[in-house]
N, C-alpha and C. Protein backbone atom coordinates (compact mmCIF):
# COMPACT_ATOMS: atom_id res chain seq x y z
N MET A 1 -29.71 23.13 83.55
CA MET A 1 -29.19 24.47 83.74
C MET A 1 -29.41 25.24 82.45
N SER A 2 -30.09 26.34 82.52
CA SER A 2 -30.34 27.11 81.30
C SER A 2 -29.13 27.98 81.00
N HIS A 3 -28.87 28.15 79.73
CA HIS A 3 -27.71 28.91 79.30
C HIS A 3 -28.21 30.19 78.66
N SER A 4 -27.87 31.30 79.25
CA SER A 4 -28.32 32.56 78.66
C SER A 4 -27.15 33.24 77.96
N ILE A 5 -27.44 33.83 76.84
CA ILE A 5 -26.43 34.53 76.05
C ILE A 5 -26.49 35.99 76.43
N SER A 6 -25.34 36.52 76.83
CA SER A 6 -25.33 37.94 77.22
C SER A 6 -25.24 38.80 75.97
N LEU A 7 -25.65 40.04 76.11
CA LEU A 7 -25.56 40.97 75.00
C LEU A 7 -24.10 41.19 74.60
N ASP A 8 -23.19 41.04 75.58
CA ASP A 8 -21.78 41.22 75.28
C ASP A 8 -21.32 40.22 74.21
N ASP A 9 -21.77 38.96 74.31
CA ASP A 9 -21.38 37.95 73.33
C ASP A 9 -21.94 38.30 71.95
N ASP A 10 -23.22 38.72 71.92
CA ASP A 10 -23.82 39.11 70.65
C ASP A 10 -23.10 40.32 70.06
N ASP A 11 -22.81 41.29 70.92
CA ASP A 11 -22.09 42.49 70.45
C ASP A 11 -20.71 42.13 69.93
N LEU A 12 -20.03 41.22 70.62
CA LEU A 12 -18.71 40.80 70.18
C LEU A 12 -18.78 40.16 68.80
N LEU A 13 -19.77 39.29 68.59
CA LEU A 13 -19.95 38.65 67.29
C LEU A 13 -20.23 39.69 66.22
N ASN A 14 -21.17 40.57 66.47
CA ASN A 14 -21.54 41.59 65.47
C ASN A 14 -20.35 42.49 65.13
N ARG A 15 -19.64 42.92 66.17
CA ARG A 15 -18.49 43.80 65.92
C ARG A 15 -17.38 43.07 65.17
N ALA A 16 -17.14 41.80 65.51
CA ALA A 16 -16.07 41.04 64.87
C ALA A 16 -16.37 40.78 63.39
N ILE A 17 -17.60 40.41 63.10
CA ILE A 17 -17.98 40.17 61.69
C ILE A 17 -17.88 41.47 60.90
N GLU A 18 -18.39 42.54 61.49
CA GLU A 18 -18.35 43.83 60.80
C GLU A 18 -16.91 44.28 60.55
N ALA A 19 -16.05 44.15 61.54
CA ALA A 19 -14.67 44.62 61.43
C ALA A 19 -13.85 43.78 60.46
N HIS A 20 -14.15 42.48 60.36
CA HIS A 20 -13.31 41.59 59.57
C HIS A 20 -14.01 41.02 58.34
N TYR A 21 -15.16 41.55 58.00
CA TYR A 21 -15.97 41.02 56.90
C TYR A 21 -15.15 40.90 55.61
N ALA A 22 -14.48 41.95 55.22
CA ALA A 22 -13.71 41.95 53.96
C ALA A 22 -12.59 40.91 54.03
N ASP A 23 -11.90 40.81 55.14
CA ASP A 23 -10.81 39.84 55.28
C ASP A 23 -11.34 38.40 55.23
N ILE A 24 -12.48 38.18 55.85
CA ILE A 24 -13.07 36.83 55.85
C ILE A 24 -13.45 36.44 54.43
N LYS A 25 -14.11 37.37 53.72
CA LYS A 25 -14.49 37.09 52.33
C LYS A 25 -13.26 36.84 51.46
N THR A 26 -12.23 37.61 51.64
CA THR A 26 -11.00 37.44 50.86
C THR A 26 -10.38 36.07 51.14
N ALA A 27 -10.38 35.66 52.38
CA ALA A 27 -9.84 34.34 52.73
C ALA A 27 -10.63 33.23 52.06
N VAL A 28 -11.95 33.36 52.04
CA VAL A 28 -12.80 32.35 51.41
C VAL A 28 -12.61 32.35 49.90
N ARG A 29 -12.53 33.54 49.31
CA ARG A 29 -12.33 33.65 47.85
C ARG A 29 -10.98 33.08 47.44
N SER A 30 -9.98 33.19 48.31
CA SER A 30 -8.65 32.66 47.97
C SER A 30 -8.66 31.13 47.89
N ARG A 31 -9.72 30.53 48.37
CA ARG A 31 -9.87 29.06 48.30
C ARG A 31 -10.73 28.64 47.12
N GLY A 32 -10.99 29.57 46.19
CA GLY A 32 -11.67 29.20 44.95
C GLY A 32 -13.15 29.50 44.88
N HIS A 33 -13.70 30.17 45.87
CA HIS A 33 -15.12 30.50 45.84
C HIS A 33 -15.34 31.82 45.12
N SER A 34 -16.50 31.93 44.48
CA SER A 34 -16.86 33.18 43.81
C SER A 34 -17.18 34.25 44.85
N HIS A 35 -17.32 35.47 44.36
CA HIS A 35 -17.65 36.60 45.24
C HIS A 35 -18.98 36.33 45.96
N ASN A 36 -19.99 35.88 45.21
CA ASN A 36 -21.30 35.62 45.82
C ASN A 36 -21.26 34.44 46.78
N ALA A 37 -20.53 33.39 46.40
CA ALA A 37 -20.43 32.22 47.29
C ALA A 37 -19.72 32.60 48.58
N ALA A 38 -18.68 33.44 48.47
CA ALA A 38 -17.96 33.88 49.66
C ALA A 38 -18.87 34.66 50.59
N ALA A 39 -19.70 35.54 50.02
CA ALA A 39 -20.65 36.31 50.84
C ALA A 39 -21.63 35.36 51.54
N ASP A 40 -22.10 34.33 50.81
CA ASP A 40 -23.02 33.36 51.41
C ASP A 40 -22.36 32.59 52.55
N ILE A 41 -21.10 32.23 52.36
CA ILE A 41 -20.39 31.48 53.39
C ILE A 41 -20.20 32.32 54.64
N VAL A 42 -19.86 33.61 54.48
CA VAL A 42 -19.71 34.50 55.64
C VAL A 42 -21.07 34.64 56.35
N HIS A 43 -22.13 34.73 55.57
CA HIS A 43 -23.48 34.80 56.16
C HIS A 43 -23.78 33.53 56.95
N ASP A 44 -23.46 32.37 56.36
CA ASP A 44 -23.67 31.09 57.05
C ASP A 44 -22.86 31.03 58.34
N LEU A 45 -21.64 31.53 58.28
CA LEU A 45 -20.79 31.56 59.47
C LEU A 45 -21.44 32.41 60.56
N TYR A 46 -21.94 33.57 60.17
CA TYR A 46 -22.60 34.45 61.14
C TYR A 46 -23.78 33.73 61.80
N LEU A 47 -24.61 33.07 60.98
CA LEU A 47 -25.78 32.37 61.53
C LEU A 47 -25.35 31.26 62.49
N LYS A 48 -24.30 30.56 62.10
CA LYS A 48 -23.82 29.47 62.95
C LYS A 48 -23.29 30.00 64.28
N LEU A 49 -22.52 31.06 64.21
CA LEU A 49 -21.97 31.64 65.43
C LEU A 49 -23.03 32.35 66.28
N ALA A 50 -24.08 32.82 65.65
CA ALA A 50 -25.14 33.50 66.40
C ALA A 50 -25.83 32.53 67.38
N GLU A 51 -25.76 31.23 67.08
CA GLU A 51 -26.35 30.23 67.97
C GLU A 51 -25.50 30.04 69.23
N GLN A 52 -24.20 30.35 69.13
CA GLN A 52 -23.30 30.19 70.28
C GLN A 52 -22.19 31.23 70.23
N PRO A 53 -22.55 32.49 70.35
CA PRO A 53 -21.54 33.54 70.21
C PRO A 53 -20.47 33.53 71.29
N GLU A 54 -20.72 32.81 72.36
CA GLU A 54 -19.74 32.76 73.44
C GLU A 54 -18.43 32.09 73.01
N VAL A 55 -18.43 31.36 71.90
CA VAL A 55 -17.20 30.71 71.44
C VAL A 55 -16.13 31.73 71.05
N LEU A 56 -16.55 32.97 70.82
CA LEU A 56 -15.58 34.01 70.44
C LEU A 56 -14.81 34.55 71.64
N ARG A 57 -15.38 34.35 72.84
CA ARG A 57 -14.72 34.88 74.03
C ARG A 57 -13.34 34.27 74.22
N GLY A 58 -12.36 35.11 74.51
CA GLY A 58 -11.02 34.63 74.82
C GLY A 58 -10.18 34.23 73.62
N LYS A 59 -10.68 34.41 72.41
CA LYS A 59 -9.87 34.08 71.23
C LYS A 59 -8.76 35.11 71.09
N ARG A 60 -7.57 34.62 70.79
CA ARG A 60 -6.43 35.52 70.63
C ARG A 60 -6.60 36.43 69.43
N SER A 61 -7.05 35.85 68.33
CA SER A 61 -7.24 36.62 67.11
C SER A 61 -8.62 36.31 66.55
N LEU A 62 -9.56 37.23 66.76
CA LEU A 62 -10.91 37.02 66.21
C LEU A 62 -10.86 36.92 64.69
N ARG A 63 -10.04 37.75 64.07
CA ARG A 63 -9.92 37.73 62.62
C ARG A 63 -9.44 36.36 62.15
N GLY A 64 -8.39 35.84 62.76
CA GLY A 64 -7.86 34.52 62.40
C GLY A 64 -8.87 33.41 62.61
N PHE A 65 -9.56 33.47 63.76
CA PHE A 65 -10.58 32.46 64.05
C PHE A 65 -11.70 32.50 63.02
N LEU A 66 -12.21 33.70 62.73
CA LEU A 66 -13.32 33.84 61.78
C LEU A 66 -12.91 33.42 60.37
N CYS A 67 -11.70 33.78 59.95
CA CYS A 67 -11.22 33.39 58.62
C CYS A 67 -11.11 31.87 58.52
N ARG A 68 -10.51 31.24 59.54
CA ARG A 68 -10.36 29.77 59.51
C ARG A 68 -11.73 29.09 59.52
N ALA A 69 -12.65 29.58 60.34
CA ALA A 69 -14.00 28.99 60.41
C ALA A 69 -14.72 29.13 59.07
N ALA A 70 -14.58 30.29 58.43
CA ALA A 70 -15.23 30.50 57.14
C ALA A 70 -14.61 29.61 56.07
N ILE A 71 -13.29 29.49 56.08
CA ILE A 71 -12.61 28.61 55.12
C ILE A 71 -13.10 27.17 55.30
N ASN A 72 -13.22 26.73 56.54
CA ASN A 72 -13.72 25.37 56.80
C ASN A 72 -15.14 25.19 56.30
N LEU A 73 -16.00 26.20 56.51
CA LEU A 73 -17.36 26.13 55.97
C LEU A 73 -17.33 26.06 54.44
N GLY A 74 -16.42 26.80 53.84
CA GLY A 74 -16.29 26.77 52.39
C GLY A 74 -15.86 25.40 51.88
N ILE A 75 -14.93 24.77 52.61
CA ILE A 75 -14.50 23.42 52.24
C ILE A 75 -15.67 22.45 52.34
N ASP A 76 -16.43 22.56 53.41
CA ASP A 76 -17.62 21.70 53.57
C ASP A 76 -18.59 21.91 52.42
N ARG A 77 -18.78 23.17 52.04
CA ARG A 77 -19.71 23.48 50.95
C ARG A 77 -19.21 22.87 49.63
N LEU A 78 -17.91 22.99 49.35
CA LEU A 78 -17.34 22.40 48.13
C LEU A 78 -17.51 20.88 48.12
N ARG A 79 -17.25 20.25 49.25
CA ARG A 79 -17.42 18.79 49.33
C ARG A 79 -18.87 18.39 49.07
N ARG A 80 -19.79 19.12 49.69
CA ARG A 80 -21.21 18.82 49.50
C ARG A 80 -21.61 19.02 48.05
N THR A 81 -21.12 20.10 47.43
CA THR A 81 -21.43 20.38 46.03
C THR A 81 -20.89 19.27 45.13
N ARG A 82 -19.66 18.86 45.35
CA ARG A 82 -19.07 17.78 44.55
C ARG A 82 -19.83 16.47 44.73
N PHE A 83 -20.22 16.18 45.97
CA PHE A 83 -20.99 14.98 46.23
C PHE A 83 -22.32 15.02 45.49
N GLU A 84 -23.01 16.14 45.56
CA GLU A 84 -24.30 16.28 44.88
C GLU A 84 -24.13 16.19 43.37
N GLU A 85 -23.04 16.75 42.84
CA GLU A 85 -22.80 16.65 41.40
C GLU A 85 -22.61 15.20 40.98
N ARG A 86 -21.85 14.43 41.78
CA ARG A 86 -21.67 13.01 41.47
C ARG A 86 -22.99 12.26 41.61
N LEU A 87 -23.73 12.60 42.65
CA LEU A 87 -24.98 11.91 42.92
C LEU A 87 -26.00 12.11 41.81
N PHE A 88 -26.04 13.32 41.27
CA PHE A 88 -27.05 13.65 40.28
C PHE A 88 -26.48 13.80 38.88
N SER A 89 -25.33 13.18 38.62
CA SER A 89 -24.67 13.39 37.34
C SER A 89 -25.14 12.42 36.26
N GLY A 90 -25.91 11.42 36.61
CA GLY A 90 -26.32 10.40 35.64
C GLY A 90 -27.28 10.93 34.60
N THR A 91 -27.34 10.20 33.52
CA THR A 91 -28.27 10.55 32.44
C THR A 91 -29.63 9.94 32.73
N GLU A 92 -30.60 10.33 31.95
CA GLU A 92 -31.94 9.77 32.12
C GLU A 92 -31.93 8.27 31.83
N ALA A 93 -31.13 7.86 30.83
CA ALA A 93 -31.04 6.44 30.49
C ALA A 93 -30.48 5.64 31.67
N GLU A 94 -29.47 6.21 32.36
CA GLU A 94 -28.92 5.52 33.52
C GLU A 94 -29.94 5.42 34.64
N ALA A 95 -30.71 6.47 34.82
CA ALA A 95 -31.74 6.46 35.86
C ALA A 95 -32.80 5.41 35.56
N LEU A 96 -33.17 5.30 34.29
CA LEU A 96 -34.18 4.32 33.92
C LEU A 96 -33.66 2.89 34.02
N ALA A 97 -32.34 2.72 33.97
CA ALA A 97 -31.75 1.39 34.05
C ALA A 97 -31.67 0.87 35.49
N VAL A 98 -31.87 1.73 36.47
CA VAL A 98 -31.84 1.29 37.87
C VAL A 98 -33.07 0.44 38.13
N PRO A 99 -32.86 -0.77 38.66
CA PRO A 99 -34.01 -1.65 38.88
C PRO A 99 -34.97 -1.08 39.91
N ALA A 100 -36.25 -1.27 39.66
CA ALA A 100 -37.28 -0.81 40.58
C ALA A 100 -37.26 -1.69 41.83
N GLU A 101 -37.60 -1.09 42.96
CA GLU A 101 -37.63 -1.86 44.20
C GLU A 101 -38.94 -2.63 44.34
N THR A 102 -39.92 -2.29 43.56
CA THR A 102 -41.18 -3.01 43.62
C THR A 102 -41.27 -3.95 42.43
N ALA A 103 -41.91 -5.05 42.65
CA ALA A 103 -42.05 -6.05 41.59
C ALA A 103 -43.07 -5.57 40.55
N ALA A 104 -42.97 -6.12 39.38
CA ALA A 104 -43.92 -5.79 38.32
C ALA A 104 -45.31 -6.28 38.71
N PRO A 105 -46.36 -5.62 38.21
CA PRO A 105 -47.73 -6.00 38.58
C PRO A 105 -48.05 -7.46 38.27
N ASP A 106 -47.53 -8.00 37.16
CA ASP A 106 -47.82 -9.39 36.84
C ASP A 106 -47.17 -10.36 37.83
N HIS A 107 -46.07 -9.94 38.45
CA HIS A 107 -45.43 -10.77 39.46
C HIS A 107 -46.36 -10.92 40.67
N ARG A 108 -46.98 -9.84 41.05
CA ARG A 108 -47.91 -9.90 42.19
C ARG A 108 -49.08 -10.84 41.89
N LEU A 109 -49.59 -10.77 40.68
CA LEU A 109 -50.69 -11.67 40.30
C LEU A 109 -50.24 -13.12 40.34
N ALA A 110 -49.02 -13.39 39.90
CA ALA A 110 -48.50 -14.76 39.92
C ALA A 110 -48.35 -15.25 41.35
N VAL A 111 -47.87 -14.39 42.24
CA VAL A 111 -47.72 -14.77 43.65
C VAL A 111 -49.09 -15.06 44.25
N GLU A 112 -50.06 -14.21 43.96
CA GLU A 112 -51.41 -14.42 44.50
C GLU A 112 -52.00 -15.73 43.98
N ALA A 113 -51.77 -16.05 42.71
CA ALA A 113 -52.27 -17.30 42.15
C ALA A 113 -51.60 -18.49 42.84
N ARG A 114 -50.31 -18.39 43.11
CA ARG A 114 -49.61 -19.48 43.79
C ARG A 114 -50.13 -19.66 45.22
N LEU A 115 -50.45 -18.55 45.87
CA LEU A 115 -51.00 -18.64 47.23
C LEU A 115 -52.36 -19.33 47.23
N VAL A 116 -53.17 -19.06 46.23
CA VAL A 116 -54.48 -19.72 46.13
C VAL A 116 -54.28 -21.23 45.99
N VAL A 117 -53.34 -21.63 45.13
CA VAL A 117 -53.06 -23.05 44.93
C VAL A 117 -52.54 -23.67 46.23
N LEU A 118 -51.64 -22.97 46.92
CA LEU A 118 -51.11 -23.51 48.18
C LEU A 118 -52.20 -23.65 49.25
N ARG A 119 -53.05 -22.65 49.35
CA ARG A 119 -54.15 -22.75 50.34
C ARG A 119 -55.03 -23.96 50.05
N LYS A 120 -55.34 -24.16 48.79
CA LYS A 120 -56.18 -25.31 48.39
C LYS A 120 -55.44 -26.61 48.68
N ALA A 121 -54.13 -26.66 48.36
CA ALA A 121 -53.35 -27.87 48.59
C ALA A 121 -53.29 -28.19 50.09
N ILE A 122 -53.09 -27.18 50.92
CA ILE A 122 -53.05 -27.39 52.37
C ILE A 122 -54.41 -27.86 52.87
N GLY A 123 -55.46 -27.26 52.33
CA GLY A 123 -56.81 -27.67 52.72
C GLY A 123 -57.13 -29.09 52.32
N ASP A 124 -56.51 -29.61 51.26
CA ASP A 124 -56.74 -30.98 50.80
C ASP A 124 -55.99 -32.03 51.61
N LEU A 125 -55.04 -31.60 52.44
CA LEU A 125 -54.27 -32.55 53.23
C LEU A 125 -55.15 -33.23 54.27
N PRO A 126 -54.83 -34.48 54.62
CA PRO A 126 -55.55 -35.13 55.72
C PRO A 126 -55.38 -34.29 57.00
N VAL A 127 -56.30 -34.36 57.91
CA VAL A 127 -56.36 -33.50 59.09
C VAL A 127 -55.05 -33.51 59.88
N ARG A 128 -54.53 -34.68 60.21
CA ARG A 128 -53.32 -34.77 61.02
C ARG A 128 -52.13 -34.18 60.27
N ARG A 129 -51.98 -34.48 58.98
CA ARG A 129 -50.88 -33.98 58.17
C ARG A 129 -50.96 -32.45 58.06
N ARG A 130 -52.18 -31.94 57.88
CA ARG A 130 -52.38 -30.49 57.80
C ARG A 130 -51.97 -29.83 59.12
N ALA A 131 -52.34 -30.42 60.25
CA ALA A 131 -51.98 -29.87 61.56
C ALA A 131 -50.47 -29.83 61.73
N VAL A 132 -49.77 -30.90 61.37
CA VAL A 132 -48.32 -30.95 61.47
C VAL A 132 -47.71 -29.86 60.60
N PHE A 133 -48.18 -29.76 59.37
CA PHE A 133 -47.64 -28.78 58.42
C PHE A 133 -47.84 -27.35 58.94
N ILE A 134 -49.03 -27.05 59.40
CA ILE A 134 -49.34 -25.69 59.88
C ILE A 134 -48.54 -25.36 61.15
N LEU A 135 -48.43 -26.32 62.07
CA LEU A 135 -47.65 -26.06 63.28
C LEU A 135 -46.18 -25.80 62.95
N HIS A 136 -45.68 -26.51 61.94
CA HIS A 136 -44.27 -26.34 61.58
C HIS A 136 -44.04 -25.07 60.75
N ARG A 137 -44.79 -24.91 59.66
CA ARG A 137 -44.53 -23.82 58.72
C ARG A 137 -45.07 -22.46 59.18
N LEU A 138 -46.24 -22.45 59.80
CA LEU A 138 -46.85 -21.18 60.17
C LEU A 138 -46.56 -20.77 61.61
N HIS A 139 -46.41 -21.74 62.49
CA HIS A 139 -46.18 -21.42 63.90
C HIS A 139 -44.74 -21.63 64.31
N GLY A 140 -43.93 -22.18 63.41
CA GLY A 140 -42.50 -22.31 63.66
C GLY A 140 -42.12 -23.33 64.71
N LEU A 141 -42.97 -24.30 64.99
CA LEU A 141 -42.63 -25.32 65.98
C LEU A 141 -41.69 -26.36 65.37
N GLY A 142 -40.80 -26.89 66.19
CA GLY A 142 -39.90 -27.94 65.75
C GLY A 142 -40.58 -29.29 65.81
N PRO A 143 -39.98 -30.28 65.17
CA PRO A 143 -40.60 -31.62 65.14
C PRO A 143 -40.87 -32.21 66.52
N ASP A 144 -39.95 -32.00 67.46
CA ASP A 144 -40.16 -32.55 68.80
C ASP A 144 -41.36 -31.90 69.49
N GLU A 145 -41.50 -30.59 69.33
CA GLU A 145 -42.64 -29.87 69.92
C GLU A 145 -43.96 -30.35 69.31
N ILE A 146 -43.94 -30.55 68.00
CA ILE A 146 -45.16 -31.01 67.31
C ILE A 146 -45.51 -32.41 67.79
N ALA A 147 -44.51 -33.28 67.90
CA ALA A 147 -44.76 -34.65 68.35
C ALA A 147 -45.39 -34.65 69.74
N ALA A 148 -44.86 -33.84 70.63
CA ALA A 148 -45.41 -33.78 71.99
C ALA A 148 -46.82 -33.21 71.99
N ARG A 149 -47.04 -32.15 71.21
CA ARG A 149 -48.35 -31.51 71.18
C ARG A 149 -49.42 -32.42 70.60
N LEU A 150 -49.08 -33.15 69.53
CA LEU A 150 -50.07 -33.99 68.85
C LEU A 150 -50.05 -35.44 69.35
N ARG A 151 -49.12 -35.73 70.27
CA ARG A 151 -48.98 -37.07 70.85
C ARG A 151 -48.75 -38.13 69.76
N ILE A 152 -47.78 -37.82 68.89
CA ILE A 152 -47.36 -38.77 67.86
C ILE A 152 -45.83 -38.85 67.90
N SER A 153 -45.27 -39.84 67.25
CA SER A 153 -43.81 -40.00 67.28
C SER A 153 -43.12 -38.95 66.42
N ARG A 154 -41.86 -38.73 66.72
CA ARG A 154 -41.05 -37.80 65.93
C ARG A 154 -40.96 -38.29 64.49
N ASN A 155 -40.84 -39.59 64.28
CA ASN A 155 -40.78 -40.15 62.93
C ASN A 155 -42.05 -39.85 62.15
N MET A 156 -43.18 -39.92 62.83
CA MET A 156 -44.47 -39.65 62.18
C MET A 156 -44.55 -38.17 61.79
N VAL A 157 -44.04 -37.28 62.64
CA VAL A 157 -44.00 -35.85 62.32
C VAL A 157 -43.18 -35.64 61.05
N ASP A 158 -42.00 -36.25 61.00
CA ASP A 158 -41.14 -36.12 59.82
C ASP A 158 -41.85 -36.65 58.56
N ARG A 159 -42.50 -37.79 58.67
CA ARG A 159 -43.20 -38.38 57.53
C ARG A 159 -44.33 -37.45 57.06
N HIS A 160 -45.11 -36.89 58.02
CA HIS A 160 -46.20 -35.97 57.65
C HIS A 160 -45.64 -34.72 56.96
N LEU A 161 -44.55 -34.19 57.49
CA LEU A 161 -43.96 -32.99 56.88
C LEU A 161 -43.48 -33.27 55.46
N ARG A 162 -42.77 -34.40 55.26
CA ARG A 162 -42.29 -34.73 53.91
C ARG A 162 -43.45 -34.87 52.93
N ARG A 163 -44.47 -35.58 53.34
CA ARG A 163 -45.61 -35.81 52.45
C ARG A 163 -46.39 -34.52 52.19
N ALA A 164 -46.53 -33.68 53.21
CA ALA A 164 -47.25 -32.40 53.03
C ALA A 164 -46.48 -31.50 52.06
N LEU A 165 -45.17 -31.43 52.24
CA LEU A 165 -44.35 -30.60 51.34
C LEU A 165 -44.39 -31.14 49.92
N ALA A 166 -44.29 -32.45 49.77
CA ALA A 166 -44.35 -33.06 48.43
C ALA A 166 -45.69 -32.76 47.77
N HIS A 167 -46.76 -32.87 48.53
CA HIS A 167 -48.10 -32.59 48.01
C HIS A 167 -48.21 -31.13 47.53
N CYS A 168 -47.74 -30.20 48.35
CA CYS A 168 -47.81 -28.77 47.98
C CYS A 168 -46.94 -28.49 46.75
N LEU A 169 -45.74 -29.06 46.70
CA LEU A 169 -44.87 -28.86 45.54
C LEU A 169 -45.50 -29.44 44.27
N ASP A 170 -46.11 -30.62 44.38
CA ASP A 170 -46.79 -31.20 43.21
C ASP A 170 -47.86 -30.27 42.68
N ARG A 171 -48.66 -29.71 43.59
CA ARG A 171 -49.73 -28.79 43.16
C ARG A 171 -49.15 -27.54 42.49
N LEU A 172 -48.06 -27.02 43.03
CA LEU A 172 -47.44 -25.83 42.44
C LEU A 172 -46.86 -26.15 41.06
N HIS A 173 -46.27 -27.33 40.90
CA HIS A 173 -45.71 -27.70 39.60
C HIS A 173 -46.81 -27.92 38.55
N GLN A 174 -47.98 -28.31 39.00
CA GLN A 174 -49.11 -28.48 38.07
C GLN A 174 -49.54 -27.14 37.48
N MET A 175 -49.25 -26.05 38.20
CA MET A 175 -49.58 -24.71 37.71
C MET A 175 -48.73 -24.35 36.50
N ASP A 176 -47.47 -24.74 36.52
CA ASP A 176 -46.51 -24.31 35.50
C ASP A 176 -46.75 -24.90 34.17
């Protein structure tokens, strides 16, 4: 269902803002806002109400409604300003002390070197042990699934996994 705004609603909004502009600004200023900030808040209120001017229909006191709405917008603005001040209040030294989310370039090189060693270590494993290791570590199969797939006992799967892991760890420790 499309909602059309009648000219009456727009006229009501325009007339209400015009008639009560000074009172709305005074209400906002009484809450600690500067003259310019109060004018901005009334402008923001107008823009917000222009999207749905029908909310003014049937209000007992347009002046009271507009003043309260503007005061609420002013409170929101103060909260946002205080939040932003806290958010951006740190010094440059504090900003530099925040840990980076990305690792240092030398860390990436170390990881790549370890991967090369692991690939070589896996490639050096006997065929059956390599198959067990790859099915478990890369494909996420459990020992029972591997035993059934390779037609070997569960104990043999466990033995191959232990030996493959020990072999890979030995190769990694040789790097250090």
